[in-house]
Amino acid sequence: MSKLFTPENSALLLIDHQVGTMQLIKNIDVAQAKRMSLALAKAASILGIPTVLTSSQEERLQGPLLPELQEILPDAFERRVKREGIVNAWTDANFKKAVEATGRKNLIMAGVTTDVCLVFPAIDAVGEGYNVQAVMDASGSPYELSEDMSRRRMQDAGVVLTATNTVIAELAQNWGTENGQKLIQLLFTEVLPPISA
């Protein structure tokens, strides 16, 4: 099983990027976390990477998924797994079935909160033989302490921690291709800090 993440062997999992829950992110800038989450979705759209979206109790404080996700990935948005309170998405039968249906063993994961939405499914997926990269700038926590402890737990379990620009570069492999050009444009316009002349 290849440890190199490519568009052909990877799937993107975005967990609970909901308008209410996003407000719990305090350790990093919430606007940046949102921007990175949407950049991951756009990269998946460009590369045709299967994407699984999930939400928890949309009708409550957590609110609906980010509306931009519906524009970027309409099919994945339509098929999103709506959980009714199950904390660990990996233990939700419908979510796990959706992940298995992608046929991919390399999982790119981001959860709106690192310390609840991301840590548990990332660890469980690794435990079941998946390669997992957790995208840390598309995930955040209410407290530095809970973020730090969750990162340590994931790393101890074999989850690879990464950032949006790193995983997009890994998926691109070659900026000179047609998709590579689209991805580098995405990086320079939405992910990376501006370059001054």
C-alpha atoms as a PDB file:
ATOM      1  CA  MET A   1       0.000   0.000   0.000  1.00  0.00           C
ATOM      2  CA  SER A   2       1.535   3.266  -1.141  1.00  0.00           C
ATOM      3  CA  LYS A   3       2.213   5.870   1.519  1.00  0.00           C
ATOM      4  CA  LEU A   4       2.392   8.536  -1.204  1.00  0.00           C
ATOM      5  CA  PHE A   5      -0.972  10.244  -1.400  1.00  0.00           C
ATOM      6  CA  THR A   6      -2.133  10.620  -4.999  1.00  0.00           C
ATOM      7  CA  PRO A   7      -5.469  11.582  -6.584  1.00  0.00           C
ATOM      8  CA  GLU A   8      -5.868   7.915  -7.552  1.00  0.00           C
ATOM      9  CA  ASN A   9      -5.458   6.419  -4.071  1.00  0.00           C
ATOM     10  CA  SER A  10      -6.785   9.126  -1.720  1.00  0.00           C
ATOM     11  CA  ALA A  11     -10.149  10.274  -0.394  1.00  0.00           C
ATOM     12  CA  LEU A  12     -11.005  13.527   1.392  1.00  0.00           C
ATOM     13  CA  LEU A  13     -13.073  13.444   4.594  1.00  0.00           C
ATOM     14  CA  LEU A  14     -14.420  16.747   5.923  1.00  0.00           C
ATOM     15  CA  ILE A  15     -16.009  16.304   9.322  1.00  0.00           C
ATOM     16  CA  ASP A  16     -18.526  18.762  10.791  1.00  0.00           C
ATOM     17  CA  HIS A  17     -17.472  22.006   9.093  1.00  0.00           C
ATOM     18  CA  GLN A  18     -20.722  23.611  10.211  1.00  0.00           C
ATOM     19  CA  VAL A  19     -21.437  27.303  10.599  1.00  0.00           C
ATOM     20  CA  GLY A  20     -22.094  27.071  14.337  1.00  0.00           C
ATOM     21  CA  THR A  21     -19.330  24.673  15.302  1.00  0.00           C
ATOM     22  CA  MET A  22     -16.747  26.682  13.315  1.00  0.00           C
ATOM     23  CA  GLN A  23     -17.081  29.352  16.011  1.00  0.00           C
ATOM     24  CA  LEU A  24     -15.474  26.997  18.549  1.00  0.00           C
ATOM     25  CA  ILE A  25     -12.103  27.328  16.803  1.00  0.00           C
ATOM     26  CA  LYS A  26      -9.954  29.642  18.929  1.00  0.00           C
ATOM     27  CA  ASN A  27      -6.371  28.343  18.622  1.00  0.00           C
ATOM     28  CA  ILE A  28      -6.074  29.507  14.998  1.00  0.00           C
ATOM     29  CA  ASP A  29      -7.881  32.161  12.999  1.00  0.00           C
ATOM     30  CA  VAL A  30     -11.332  30.784  12.196  1.00  0.00           C
ATOM     31  CA  ALA A  31     -11.404  32.525   8.805  1.00  0.00           C
ATOM     32  CA  GLN A  32      -8.161  30.781   7.905  1.00  0.00           C
ATOM     33  CA  ALA A  33      -9.525  27.398   9.015  1.00  0.00           C
ATOM     34  CA  LYS A  34     -12.577  27.981   6.825  1.00  0.00           C
ATOM     35  CA  ARG A  35     -10.437  29.059   3.870  1.00  0.00           C
ATOM     36  CA  MET A  36      -8.250  25.947   4.176  1.00  0.00           C
ATOM     37  CA  SER A  37     -11.258  23.633   4.445  1.00  0.00           C
ATOM     38  CA  LEU A  38     -12.731  25.115   1.277  1.00  0.00           C
ATOM     39  CA  ALA A  39      -9.337  24.932  -0.482  1.00  0.00           C
ATOM     40  CA  LEU A  40      -9.199  21.196   0.284  1.00  0.00           C
ATOM     41  CA  ALA A  41     -12.676  20.803  -1.195  1.00  0.00           C
ATOM     42  CA  LYS A  42     -11.628  22.755  -4.311  1.00  0.00           C
ATOM     43  CA  ALA A  43      -8.481  20.640  -4.723  1.00  0.00           C
ATOM     44  CA  ALA A  44     -10.601  17.479  -4.462  1.00  0.00           C
ATOM     45  CA  SER A  45     -12.963  18.883  -7.083  1.00  0.00           C
ATOM     46  CA  ILE A  46     -10.089  19.713  -9.459  1.00  0.00           C
ATOM     47  CA  LEU A  47      -8.530  16.266  -9.060  1.00  0.00           C
ATOM     48  CA  GLY A  48     -11.715  14.196  -8.930  1.00  0.00           C
ATOM     49  CA  ILE A  49     -10.878  12.877  -5.464  1.00  0.00           C
ATOM     50  CA  PRO A  50     -13.854  11.185  -3.789  1.00  0.00           C
ATOM     51  CA  THR A  51     -15.039  13.243  -0.844  1.00  0.00           C
ATOM     52  CA  VAL A  52     -17.168  12.310   2.142  1.00  0.00           C
ATOM     53  CA  LEU A  53     -18.856  15.127   4.043  1.00  0.00           C
ATOM     54  CA  THR A  54     -20.530  14.612   7.392  1.00  0.00           C
ATOM     55  CA  SER A  55     -22.398  16.807   9.848  1.00  0.00           C
ATOM     56  CA  SER A  56     -23.750  16.438  13.366  1.00  0.00           C
ATOM     57  CA  GLN A  57     -27.190  17.665  14.350  1.00  0.00           C
ATOM     58  CA  GLU A  58     -27.512  20.373  11.699  1.00  0.00           C
ATOM     59  CA  GLU A  59     -30.798  21.590  13.152  1.00  0.00           C
ATOM     60  CA  ARG A  60     -29.196  22.486  16.491  1.00  0.00           C
ATOM     61  CA  LEU A  61     -26.497  24.941  17.587  1.00  0.00           C
ATOM     62  CA  GLN A  62     -23.983  23.287  15.269  1.00  0.00           C
ATOM     63  CA  GLY A  63     -25.921  24.599  12.269  1.00  0.00           C
ATOM     64  CA  PRO A  64     -25.684  23.557   8.610  1.00  0.00           C
ATOM     65  CA  LEU A  65     -22.515  22.682   6.746  1.00  0.00           C
ATOM     66  CA  LEU A  66     -20.671  25.624   5.218  1.00  0.00           C
ATOM     67  CA  PRO A  67     -22.843  26.650   2.235  1.00  0.00           C
ATOM     68  CA  GLU A  68     -19.736  27.028   0.040  1.00  0.00           C
ATOM     69  CA  LEU A  69     -19.263  23.248   0.236  1.00  0.00           C
ATOM     70  CA  GLN A  70     -22.535  22.808  -1.632  1.00  0.00           C
ATOM     71  CA  GLU A  71     -21.241  25.032  -4.431  1.00  0.00           C
ATOM     72  CA  ILE A  72     -17.826  23.330  -4.625  1.00  0.00           C
ATOM     73  CA  LEU A  73     -18.880  19.687  -4.174  1.00  0.00           C
ATOM     74  CA  PRO A  74     -22.622  19.505  -4.888  1.00  0.00           C
ATOM     75  CA  ASP A  75     -22.767  15.703  -5.171  1.00  0.00           C
ATOM     76  CA  ALA A  76     -20.813  15.099  -1.957  1.00  0.00           C
ATOM     77  CA  PHE A  77     -22.947  17.725  -0.225  1.00  0.00           C
ATOM     78  CA  GLU A  78     -26.134  16.009  -1.359  1.00  0.00           C
ATOM     79  CA  ARG A  79     -24.832  12.634  -0.112  1.00  0.00           C
ATOM     80  CA  ARG A  80     -23.459  14.042   3.170  1.00  0.00           C
ATOM     81  CA  VAL A  81     -23.805  11.788   6.195  1.00  0.00           C
ATOM     82  CA  LYS A  82     -26.049  13.484   8.756  1.00  0.00           C
ATOM     83  CA  ARG A  83     -25.190  12.083  12.176  1.00  0.00           C
ATOM     84  CA  GLU A  84     -27.714  12.333  14.985  1.00  0.00           C
ATOM     85  CA  GLY A  85     -25.305  12.933  17.826  1.00  0.00           C
ATOM     86  CA  ILE A  86     -22.652  10.228  17.334  1.00  0.00           C
ATOM     87  CA  VAL A  87     -19.430  11.959  18.412  1.00  0.00           C
ATOM     88  CA  ASN A  88     -16.902   9.728  16.627  1.00  0.00           C
ATOM     89  CA  ALA A  89     -17.892   9.785  12.947  1.00  0.00           C
ATOM     90  CA  TRP A  90     -15.940   6.550  12.383  1.00  0.00           C
ATOM     91  CA  THR A  91     -18.412   4.670  14.601  1.00  0.00           C
ATOM     92  CA  ASP A  92     -21.361   5.886  12.508  1.00  0.00           C
ATOM     93  CA  ALA A  93     -22.251   3.003  10.175  1.00  0.00           C
ATOM     94  CA  ASN A  94     -23.336   5.300   7.330  1.00  0.00           C
ATOM     95  CA  PHE A  95     -20.139   7.358   7.490  1.00  0.00           C
ATOM     96  CA  LYS A  96     -17.918   4.294   7.537  1.00  0.00           C
ATOM     97  CA  LYS A  97     -19.854   2.766   4.654  1.00  0.00           C
ATOM     98  CA  ALA A  98     -19.390   5.979   2.653  1.00  0.00           C
ATOM     99  CA  VAL A  99     -15.632   5.922   3.322  1.00  0.00           C
ATOM    100  CA  GLU A 100     -15.370   2.249   2.342  1.00  0.00           C
ATOM    101  CA  ALA A 101     -17.333   2.958  -0.853  1.00  0.00           C
ATOM    102  CA  THR A 102     -14.538   5.258  -2.045  1.00  0.00           C
ATOM    103  CA  GLY A 103     -12.256   2.222  -2.276  1.00  0.00           C
ATOM    104  CA  ARG A 104      -9.336   4.373  -1.055  1.00  0.00           C
ATOM    105  CA  LYS A 105      -6.933   3.498   1.770  1.00  0.00           C
ATOM    106  CA  ASN A 106      -5.267   6.939   1.985  1.00  0.00           C
ATOM    107  CA  LEU A 107      -7.509   9.352   3.855  1.00  0.00           C
ATOM    108  CA  ILE A 108      -7.047  13.118   4.033  1.00  0.00           C
ATOM    109  CA  MET A 109      -9.034  14.220   7.075  1.00  0.00           C
ATOM    110  CA  ALA A 110     -10.021  17.542   8.559  1.00  0.00           C
ATOM    111  CA  GLY A 111     -12.494  18.003  11.384  1.00  0.00           C
ATOM    112  CA  VAL A 112     -13.881  21.335  12.444  1.00  0.00           C
ATOM    113  CA  THR A 113     -12.555  20.714  15.940  1.00  0.00           C
ATOM    114  CA  THR A 114      -9.319  18.795  16.255  1.00  0.00           C
ATOM    115  CA  ASP A 115     -10.061  17.815  19.848  1.00  0.00           C
ATOM    116  CA  VAL A 116     -13.441  16.176  19.188  1.00  0.00           C
ATOM    117  CA  CYS A 117     -14.382  15.873  15.507  1.00  0.00           C
ATOM    118  CA  LEU A 118     -10.971  14.829  14.140  1.00  0.00           C
ATOM    119  CA  VAL A 119      -8.988  12.999  16.812  1.00  0.00           C
ATOM    120  CA  PHE A 120     -11.252   9.971  17.270  1.00  0.00           C
ATOM    121  CA  PRO A 121     -11.988   9.015  13.628  1.00  0.00           C
ATOM    122  CA  ALA A 122      -8.371   9.667  12.607  1.00  0.00           C
ATOM    123  CA  ILE A 123      -7.052   7.286  15.275  1.00  0.00           C
ATOM    124  CA  ASP A 124      -9.706   4.638  14.561  1.00  0.00           C
ATOM    125  CA  ALA A 125      -9.051   4.722  10.810  1.00  0.00           C
ATOM    126  CA  VAL A 126      -5.321   4.154  11.348  1.00  0.00           C
ATOM    127  CA  GLY A 127      -6.202   1.299  13.680  1.00  0.00           C
ATOM    128  CA  GLU A 128      -8.102  -0.320  10.825  1.00  0.00           C
ATOM    129  CA  GLY A 129      -5.213  -0.099   8.365  1.00  0.00           C
ATOM    130  CA  TYR A 130      -5.829   3.226   6.649  1.00  0.00           C
ATOM    131  CA  ASN A 131      -3.102   5.806   6.071  1.00  0.00           C
ATOM    132  CA  VAL A 132      -4.364   9.086   7.509  1.00  0.00           C
ATOM    133  CA  GLN A 133      -3.134  12.633   7.049  1.00  0.00           C
ATOM    134  CA  ALA A 134      -4.825  15.094   9.406  1.00  0.00           C
ATOM    135  CA  VAL A 135      -4.909  18.631   7.992  1.00  0.00           C
ATOM    136  CA  MET A 136      -4.218  20.842  10.966  1.00  0.00           C
ATOM    137  CA  ASP A 137      -4.913  24.267   9.467  1.00  0.00           C
ATOM    138  CA  ALA A 138      -8.387  23.126   8.383  1.00  0.00           C
ATOM    139  CA  SER A 139      -9.108  21.981  11.945  1.00  0.00           C
ATOM    140  CA  GLY A 140      -8.917  23.801  15.266  1.00  0.00           C
ATOM    141  CA  SER A 141      -9.821  23.656  18.937  1.00  0.00           C
ATOM    142  CA  PRO A 142     -11.356  25.895  21.599  1.00  0.00           C
ATOM    143  CA  TYR A 143      -8.181  25.661  23.712  1.00  0.00           C
ATOM    144  CA  GLU A 144      -4.460  25.326  23.018  1.00  0.00           C
ATOM    145  CA  LEU A 145      -4.236  22.535  25.599  1.00  0.00           C
ATOM    146  CA  SER A 146      -6.925  20.358  24.021  1.00  0.00           C
ATOM    147  CA  GLU A 147      -5.410  20.960  20.577  1.00  0.00           C
ATOM    148  CA  ASP A 148      -1.944  19.953  21.797  1.00  0.00           C
ATOM    149  CA  MET A 149      -3.178  16.812  23.561  1.00  0.00           C
ATOM    150  CA  SER A 150      -5.185  15.748  20.496  1.00  0.00           C
ATOM    151  CA  ARG A 151      -2.204  16.242  18.190  1.00  0.00           C
ATOM    152  CA  ARG A 152      -0.064  14.117  20.498  1.00  0.00           C
ATOM    153  CA  ARG A 153      -2.669  11.358  20.640  1.00  0.00           C
ATOM    154  CA  MET A 154      -2.959  11.283  16.860  1.00  0.00           C
ATOM    155  CA  GLN A 155       0.792  11.219  16.304  1.00  0.00           C
ATOM    156  CA  ASP A 156       1.224   8.458  18.891  1.00  0.00           C
ATOM    157  CA  ALA A 157      -1.382   6.418  16.992  1.00  0.00           C
ATOM    158  CA  GLY A 158       0.374   6.868  13.640  1.00  0.00           C
ATOM    159  CA  VAL A 159      -1.653   9.717  12.133  1.00  0.00           C
ATOM    160  CA  VAL A 160       0.479  12.025   9.968  1.00  0.00           C
ATOM    161  CA  LEU A 161      -0.103  15.709  10.731  1.00  0.00           C
ATOM    162  CA  THR A 162       0.033  18.029   7.733  1.00  0.00           C
ATOM    163  CA  ALA A 163      -1.128  21.387   6.367  1.00  0.00           C
ATOM    164  CA  THR A 164      -3.270  22.333   3.390  1.00  0.00           C
ATOM    165  CA  ASN A 165      -0.463  23.581   1.142  1.00  0.00           C
ATOM    166  CA  THR A 166       1.641  20.472   1.892  1.00  0.00           C
ATOM    167  CA  VAL A 167      -1.076  17.958   1.072  1.00  0.00           C
ATOM    168  CA  ILE A 168      -2.075  19.850  -2.100  1.00  0.00           C
ATOM    169  CA  ALA A 169       1.567  19.825  -3.237  1.00  0.00           C
ATOM    170  CA  GLU A 170       1.805  16.092  -2.529  1.00  0.00           C
ATOM    171  CA  LEU A 171      -1.332  15.435  -4.567  1.00  0.00           C
ATOM    172  CA  ALA A 172      -0.125  17.667  -7.426  1.00  0.00           C
ATOM    173  CA  GLN A 173       3.336  16.065  -7.827  1.00  0.00           C
ATOM    174  CA  ASN A 174       3.948  18.227 -10.913  1.00  0.00           C
ATOM    175  CA  TRP A 175       2.931  21.882 -11.247  1.00  0.00           C
ATOM    176  CA  GLY A 176       3.478  21.641 -15.021  1.00  0.00           C
ATOM    177  CA  THR A 177       0.422  19.465 -15.665  1.00  0.00           C
ATOM    178  CA  GLU A 178      -3.016  20.904 -16.420  1.00  0.00           C
ATOM    179  CA  ASN A 179      -4.278  20.011 -12.921  1.00  0.00           C
ATOM    180  CA  GLY A 180      -0.979  21.124 -11.410  1.00  0.00           C
ATOM    181  CA  GLN A 181      -1.519  24.573 -12.917  1.00  0.00           C
ATOM    182  CA  LYS A 182      -5.017  24.721 -11.423  1.00  0.00           C
ATOM    183  CA  LEU A 183      -3.706  23.668  -8.022  1.00  0.00           C
ATOM    184  CA  ILE A 184      -0.852  26.174  -7.940  1.00  0.00           C
ATOM    185  CA  GLN A 185      -3.347  28.886  -8.871  1.00  0.00           C
ATOM    186  CA  LEU A 186      -5.508  27.736  -5.952  1.00  0.00           C
ATOM    187  CA  LEU A 187      -2.496  27.873  -3.615  1.00  0.00           C
ATOM    188  CA  PHE A 188      -1.420  31.353  -4.648  1.00  0.00           C
ATOM    189  CA  THR A 189      -4.924  32.849  -4.570  1.00  0.00           C
ATOM    190  CA  GLU A 190      -6.483  31.155  -1.538  1.00  0.00           C
ATOM    191  CA  VAL A 191      -3.945  29.300   0.601  1.00  0.00           C
ATOM    192  CA  LEU A 192      -0.528  30.963   0.661  1.00  0.00           C
ATOM    193  CA  PRO A 193       0.270  34.489   1.890  1.00  0.00           C
ATOM    194  CA  PRO A 194       0.501  37.023  -0.940  1.00  0.00           C
ATOM    195  CA  ILE A 195       3.832  37.466  -2.694  1.00  0.00           C
ATOM    196  CA  SER A 196       4.806  41.103  -3.170  1.00  0.00           C
ATOM    197  CA  ALA A 197       6.731  42.156  -6.277  1.00  0.00           C
END
